[in-house]
């Protein structure tokens, strides 16, 4: 037997094998090779598991749980709660740093975080023909798209959307097409029945710094909801 492989072989209860004398050396060599391969796989698994556990420990060490009563979220320790007063829903804010903040709204009328659908897209050649007394020019996006007479609204949207399950609930995840410009957050259309309607939830930030976008997308996956 060879080194550790021999020890491993002796420590495992194996069914007795009957081999012809001429084949004994070859059989032992094959078994030795098999156990050496198993040993390498076990060592690789141990290393990967150790690195993963270490990474998770570091992550937990750098995060904290922000408790808002009806929900909790795991965030970097530097993020802080900001109290707000809502009229017909539970609202509040989270300060990410001295510039970026998140807003949340839990209640019947929480914004679904749609792209601003009221924005009108017109070719820039029409800019001088707009009646500003009848239309808010701030809601108009003027574009220079001479490639076609048809203007595709989707081409000019800022955000992408995906769907996932967060804390057992179907959630819409919003993130910018161009990092730093757009909305980053989550919308859940149904938390639980609250009075005569269904409580909904959103949490989002606008035009966040790219590094904060990534942190928000990580944090929203740790959301846990608690009906009182």
Protein backbone atom coordinates (compact mmCIF):
# COMPACT_ATOMS: atom_id res chain seq x y z
CA UNK A 1 0.00 0.00 0.00
CA UNK A 2 1.05 3.59 -0.47
CA UNK A 3 1.09 6.09 2.41
CA UNK A 4 -2.21 7.65 3.45
CA UNK A 5 -4.13 5.78 0.78
CA UNK A 6 -3.12 2.56 2.47
CA UNK A 7 -4.31 3.83 5.85
CA UNK A 8 -7.65 4.89 4.33
CA UNK A 9 -8.04 1.49 2.72
CA UNK A 10 -7.32 -0.33 5.97
CA UNK A 11 -9.80 1.88 7.88
CA UNK A 12 -12.72 1.10 5.56
CA UNK A 13 -14.63 -2.13 5.80
CA UNK A 14 -14.50 -3.65 2.34
CA UNK A 15 -16.01 -6.80 0.94
CA UNK A 16 -13.26 -9.37 0.52
CA UNK A 17 -12.01 -9.62 -3.01
CA UNK A 18 -10.70 -12.82 -4.55
CA UNK A 19 -8.01 -12.17 -7.08
CA UNK A 20 -5.67 -14.38 -8.95
CA UNK A 21 -2.11 -14.10 -7.60
CA UNK A 22 -0.88 -12.60 -10.86
CA UNK A 23 -3.48 -9.85 -10.66
CA UNK A 24 -2.89 -8.92 -7.00
CA UNK A 25 -0.22 -6.25 -7.62
CA UNK A 26 -2.26 -4.59 -10.38
CA UNK A 27 -5.40 -4.62 -8.22
CA UNK A 28 -3.60 -3.03 -5.32
CA UNK A 29 -2.18 -0.35 -7.62
CA UNK A 30 -5.67 0.44 -8.96
CA UNK A 31 -7.15 0.67 -5.47
CA UNK A 32 -4.31 2.92 -4.39
CA UNK A 33 -4.93 5.25 -7.36
CA UNK A 34 -8.66 5.37 -6.57
CA UNK A 35 -8.13 6.32 -2.95
CA UNK A 36 -5.53 8.93 -3.85
CA UNK A 37 -8.10 10.52 -6.18
CA UNK A 38 -10.72 10.39 -3.42
CA UNK A 39 -8.27 12.01 -1.05
CA UNK A 40 -7.63 14.88 -3.48
CA UNK A 41 -11.38 15.42 -3.97
CA UNK A 42 -11.93 15.45 -0.21
CA UNK A 43 -9.10 17.97 0.24
CA UNK A 44 -10.54 20.21 -2.49
CA UNK A 45 -14.01 20.04 -0.92
CA UNK A 46 -12.56 20.93 2.49
CA UNK A 47 -10.76 23.96 1.07
CA UNK A 48 -13.85 25.20 -0.80
CA UNK A 49 -16.08 24.67 2.23
CA UNK A 50 -13.60 26.48 4.46
CA UNK A 51 -13.36 29.47 2.13
CA UNK A 52 -17.16 29.67 1.82
CA UNK A 53 -17.66 29.50 5.59
CA UNK A 54 -14.99 32.16 6.08
CA UNK A 55 -16.63 34.42 3.50
CA UNK A 56 -20.04 34.04 5.15
CA UNK A 57 -18.53 34.80 8.56
CA UNK A 58 -16.93 37.97 7.22
CA UNK A 59 -20.23 38.98 5.60
CA UNK A 60 -22.12 38.53 8.88
CA UNK A 61 -19.43 40.47 10.71
CA UNK A 62 -19.87 43.45 8.37
CA UNK A 63 -23.69 43.52 8.40
CA UNK A 64 -26.42 44.32 10.87
CA UNK A 65 -30.15 43.73 11.08
CA UNK A 66 -32.33 46.80 10.69
CA UNK A 67 -35.64 46.05 12.42
CA UNK A 68 -38.65 48.08 11.27
CA UNK A 69 -41.21 46.03 13.18
CA UNK A 70 -43.17 44.75 10.19
CA UNK A 71 -39.98 43.70 8.43
CA UNK A 72 -36.26 43.26 8.91
CA UNK A 73 -33.39 43.59 6.45
CA UNK A 74 -29.70 42.73 6.64
CA UNK A 75 -27.57 45.70 5.63
CA UNK A 76 -24.02 47.00 5.98
CA UNK A 77 -23.43 48.35 9.47
CA UNK A 78 -23.05 51.91 8.20
CA UNK A 79 -26.67 52.07 6.97
CA UNK A 80 -29.05 53.82 9.36
CA UNK A 81 -32.82 54.11 9.88
CA UNK A 82 -34.64 57.38 9.28
CA UNK A 83 -38.13 57.83 10.69
CA UNK A 84 -40.85 59.28 8.48
CA UNK A 85 -44.56 59.89 9.08
CA UNK A 86 -47.04 58.39 6.64
CA UNK A 87 -50.68 59.31 6.12
CA UNK A 88 -52.24 56.00 5.19
CA UNK A 89 -49.29 53.59 5.21
CA UNK A 90 -46.10 52.74 7.06
CA UNK A 91 -43.22 54.66 5.49
CA UNK A 92 -39.59 55.28 6.31
CA UNK A 93 -36.12 55.69 4.91
CA UNK A 94 -32.68 54.14 5.10
CA UNK A 95 -29.56 56.29 4.80
CA UNK A 96 -26.89 54.42 2.86
CA UNK A 97 -24.36 57.24 3.10
CA UNK A 98 -24.40 61.04 3.08
CA UNK A 99 -25.87 61.08 -0.43
CA UNK A 100 -27.79 57.90 -1.23
CA UNK A 101 -30.99 56.91 0.58
CA UNK A 102 -33.72 54.29 0.25
CA UNK A 103 -37.44 54.88 0.76
CA UNK A 104 -39.98 52.24 1.72
CA UNK A 105 -43.77 52.17 1.79
CA UNK A 106 -45.85 49.36 3.30
CA UNK A 107 -49.60 49.68 2.87
CA UNK A 108 -52.53 49.58 0.48
CA UNK A 109 -51.25 52.15 -1.98
CA UNK A 110 -47.53 51.39 -2.25
CA UNK A 111 -46.11 52.53 -5.57
CA UNK A 112 -45.63 49.63 -7.98
CA UNK A 113 -42.35 51.18 -9.15
CA UNK A 114 -43.37 51.25 -12.77
CA UNK A 115 -41.20 53.21 -15.12
CA UNK A 116 -42.67 56.70 -15.38
CA UNK A 117 -45.28 55.69 -17.92
CA UNK A 118 -46.63 59.21 -18.34
CA UNK A 119 -43.45 60.39 -20.01
CA UNK A 120 -44.18 61.34 -23.59
CA UNK A 121 -41.52 60.63 -26.19
CA UNK A 122 -41.40 62.98 -29.17
CA UNK A 123 -38.93 63.73 -31.89
CA UNK A 124 -36.92 66.85 -31.13
CA UNK A 125 -38.17 68.49 -34.35
CA UNK A 126 -41.49 69.02 -32.55
CA UNK A 127 -40.02 70.92 -29.61
CA UNK A 128 -41.19 74.33 -30.84
CA UNK A 129 -44.74 73.19 -31.53
CA UNK A 130 -45.60 72.18 -27.96
CA UNK A 131 -48.32 74.14 -26.18
CA UNK A 132 -46.72 74.53 -22.75
CA UNK A 133 -49.99 75.83 -21.28
CA UNK A 134 -51.64 72.48 -21.95
CA UNK A 135 -48.72 70.14 -21.30
CA UNK A 136 -45.91 69.94 -18.75
CA UNK A 137 -42.78 70.03 -20.85
CA UNK A 138 -40.87 68.30 -18.02
CA UNK A 139 -42.86 65.13 -18.79
CA UNK A 140 -41.70 65.10 -22.40
CA UNK A 141 -38.58 63.29 -23.57
CA UNK A 142 -37.30 64.74 -26.83
CA UNK A 143 -35.14 62.36 -28.83
CA UNK A 144 -33.17 62.47 -32.02
CA UNK A 145 -33.97 59.17 -33.64
CA UNK A 146 -33.81 59.59 -37.39
CA UNK A 147 -33.41 55.87 -38.05
CA UNK A 148 -37.16 55.32 -38.14
CA UNK A 149 -40.45 57.12 -38.09
CA UNK A 150 -41.51 54.83 -35.25
CA UNK A 151 -40.15 55.64 -31.79
CA UNK A 152 -39.91 52.59 -29.54
CA UNK A 153 -40.61 53.70 -25.93
CA UNK A 154 -38.79 50.69 -24.50
CA UNK A 155 -35.55 51.94 -26.06
CA UNK A 156 -35.63 54.97 -23.78
CA UNK A 157 -36.55 53.32 -20.49
CA UNK A 158 -34.08 53.59 -17.63
CA UNK A 159 -34.84 50.39 -15.74
CA UNK A 160 -34.89 46.63 -16.14
CA UNK A 161 -37.17 44.28 -14.24
CA UNK A 162 -36.94 40.70 -13.06
CA UNK A 163 -39.07 38.47 -10.84
CA UNK A 164 -37.92 36.47 -7.85
CA UNK A 165 -39.21 34.99 -4.60
CA UNK A 166 -38.28 36.91 -1.44
CA UNK A 167 -39.33 35.50 1.93
CA UNK A 168 -41.81 33.24 0.15
CA UNK A 169 -43.45 36.11 -1.75
CA UNK A 170 -43.35 36.96 -5.45
CA UNK A 171 -41.29 40.12 -5.87
CA UNK A 172 -40.46 42.47 -8.71
CA UNK A 173 -36.80 43.49 -8.68
CA UNK A 174 -35.94 46.81 -10.34
CA UNK A 175 -32.45 47.83 -11.41
CA UNK A 176 -31.01 50.44 -13.82
CA UNK A 177 -30.06 49.65 -17.37
CA UNK A 178 -27.21 52.10 -17.02
CA UNK A 179 -25.62 51.92 -13.60
CA UNK A 180 -26.12 55.12 -11.64
CA UNK A 181 -29.16 56.29 -13.61
CA UNK A 182 -32.53 54.85 -12.64
CA UNK A 183 -34.29 52.98 -9.84
CA UNK A 184 -32.93 50.14 -7.72
CA UNK A 185 -35.35 48.31 -5.46
CA UNK A 186 -38.16 45.84 -4.89
CA UNK A 187 -41.94 45.77 -5.09
CA UNK A 188 -44.17 43.08 -3.55
CA UNK A 189 -47.81 43.19 -4.58
CA UNK A 190 -49.17 41.07 -1.73
CA UNK A 191 -47.85 40.75 1.82
CA UNK A 192 -51.04 39.97 3.73
CA UNK A 193 -54.59 41.20 4.20
CA UNK A 194 -54.58 44.47 6.09
CA UNK A 195 -58.08 45.56 7.07
CA UNK A 196 -60.28 45.61 3.98
CA UNK A 197 -57.44 45.47 1.45
CA UNK A 198 -54.04 43.88 0.80
CA UNK A 199 -50.85 45.39 2.16
CA UNK A 200 -48.16 45.91 -0.46
CA UNK A 201 -44.52 46.89 -0.11
CA UNK A 202 -41.79 48.74 -1.91
CA UNK A 203 -38.25 49.74 -1.06
CA UNK A 204 -36.14 51.65 -3.55
CA UNK A 205 -33.48 54.24 -4.26
CA UNK A 206 -33.02 56.50 -7.27
CA UNK A 207 -29.76 57.22 -9.11
CA UNK A 208 -27.69 55.37 -6.54
CA UNK A 209 -23.94 55.07 -6.87
CA UNK A 210 -23.00 51.82 -8.67
CA UNK A 211 -21.48 50.25 -5.56
CA UNK A 212 -24.64 51.04 -3.58
CA UNK A 213 -26.83 49.53 -6.29
CA UNK A 214 -25.06 46.20 -5.78
CA UNK A 215 -25.42 46.41 -2.00
CA UNK A 216 -29.14 47.18 -2.25
CA UNK A 217 -29.76 44.25 -4.60
CA UNK A 218 -27.98 42.00 -2.09
CA UNK A 219 -29.80 43.45 0.92
CA UNK A 220 -33.33 43.11 -0.46
CA UNK A 221 -32.87 39.36 -0.70
CA UNK A 222 -32.57 39.24 3.12
CA UNK A 223 -35.99 40.86 3.72
CA UNK A 224 -38.17 39.10 6.29
CA UNK A 225 -41.75 40.21 6.95
CA UNK A 226 -43.63 39.94 10.25
CA UNK A 227 -47.36 40.59 10.41
CA UNK A 228 -48.39 42.01 13.79
